Amino acid sequence: MLKNKEKKLKKFEVEYSIQKNNIIVNKSIIIESINDPNKIIRLAKLNISTMERIFIQDVKILGFKTV
């Protein structure tokens, strides 16, 4: 039987780059996630593509750090 472990959420500042109207834009966003790099990147790309209204493939994550 698997145990459900509560995982602590941390805040991360994710820096990203997108191309909008043939202009490269660098911005950052703050998200809450567990301390797993793959999940942080996946969640950030999903949030950014929804917020900026672009395809998820066009989002490039430059880096992230804890806040």
Protein backbone atom coordinates (compact mmCIF):
# COMPACT_ATOMS: atom_id res chain seq x y z
CA MET A 1 0.00 0.00 0.00
CA LEU A 2 1.35 3.39 -0.98
CA LYS A 3 1.47 6.18 1.54
CA ASN A 4 0.49 9.66 0.51
CA LYS A 5 3.22 11.96 1.71
CA GLU A 6 2.58 15.64 2.02
CA LYS A 7 5.15 17.50 0.04
CA LYS A 8 6.06 21.00 1.06
CA LEU A 9 5.52 23.65 -1.58
CA LYS A 10 8.21 26.27 -2.09
CA LYS A 11 8.13 29.49 -4.07
CA PHE A 12 10.42 29.72 -7.08
CA GLU A 13 11.26 32.65 -9.33
CA VAL A 14 11.48 31.34 -12.89
CA GLU A 15 13.17 33.41 -15.59
CA TYR A 16 11.98 32.73 -19.11
CA SER A 17 12.34 33.93 -22.68
CA ILE A 18 9.66 34.05 -25.36
CA GLN A 19 9.38 35.47 -28.86
CA LYS A 20 6.38 37.71 -29.37
CA ASN A 21 5.81 39.73 -32.56
CA ASN A 22 9.37 38.92 -33.70
CA ILE A 23 10.80 40.43 -30.50
CA ILE A 24 12.53 38.32 -27.84
CA VAL A 25 11.14 39.11 -24.39
CA ASN A 26 12.80 38.08 -21.12
CA LYS A 27 10.58 38.04 -18.02
CA SER A 28 10.18 36.22 -14.74
CA ILE A 29 7.28 34.63 -12.88
CA ILE A 30 6.86 33.32 -9.33
CA ILE A 31 5.30 29.87 -8.94
CA GLU A 32 4.76 27.39 -6.11
CA SER A 33 5.99 23.85 -6.62
CA ILE A 34 7.80 21.02 -4.92
CA ASN A 35 11.59 20.97 -5.06
CA ASP A 36 11.88 18.89 -8.26
CA PRO A 37 13.49 20.59 -11.29
CA ASN A 38 11.43 18.65 -13.85
CA LYS A 39 8.13 19.55 -12.20
CA ILE A 40 9.16 23.19 -11.78
CA ILE A 41 10.00 23.52 -15.48
CA ARG A 42 6.86 21.70 -16.62
CA LEU A 43 4.58 23.79 -14.41
CA ALA A 44 6.30 27.05 -15.37
CA LYS A 45 6.03 26.34 -19.10
CA LEU A 46 2.33 25.57 -18.74
CA ASN A 47 1.63 28.73 -16.74
CA ILE A 48 3.67 30.96 -19.05
CA SER A 49 2.12 29.62 -22.26
CA THR A 50 -1.35 30.15 -20.82
CA MET A 51 -0.55 33.63 -19.51
CA GLU A 52 1.24 34.87 -22.65
CA ARG A 53 -1.08 33.01 -25.06
CA ILE A 54 1.70 31.28 -26.99
CA PHE A 55 2.58 27.66 -27.72
CA ILE A 56 4.32 25.77 -24.93
CA GLN A 57 7.17 24.87 -27.32
CA ASP A 58 8.03 28.58 -27.71
CA VAL A 59 8.78 29.05 -23.99
CA LYS A 60 12.44 28.74 -22.98
CA ILE A 61 13.27 28.48 -19.29
CA LEU A 62 16.49 30.37 -18.55
CA GLY A 63 16.76 29.41 -14.88
CA PHE A 64 15.02 29.34 -11.52
CA LYS A 65 15.82 30.03 -7.89
CA THR A 66 13.99 29.80 -4.57
CA VAL A 67 12.40 32.93 -3.18
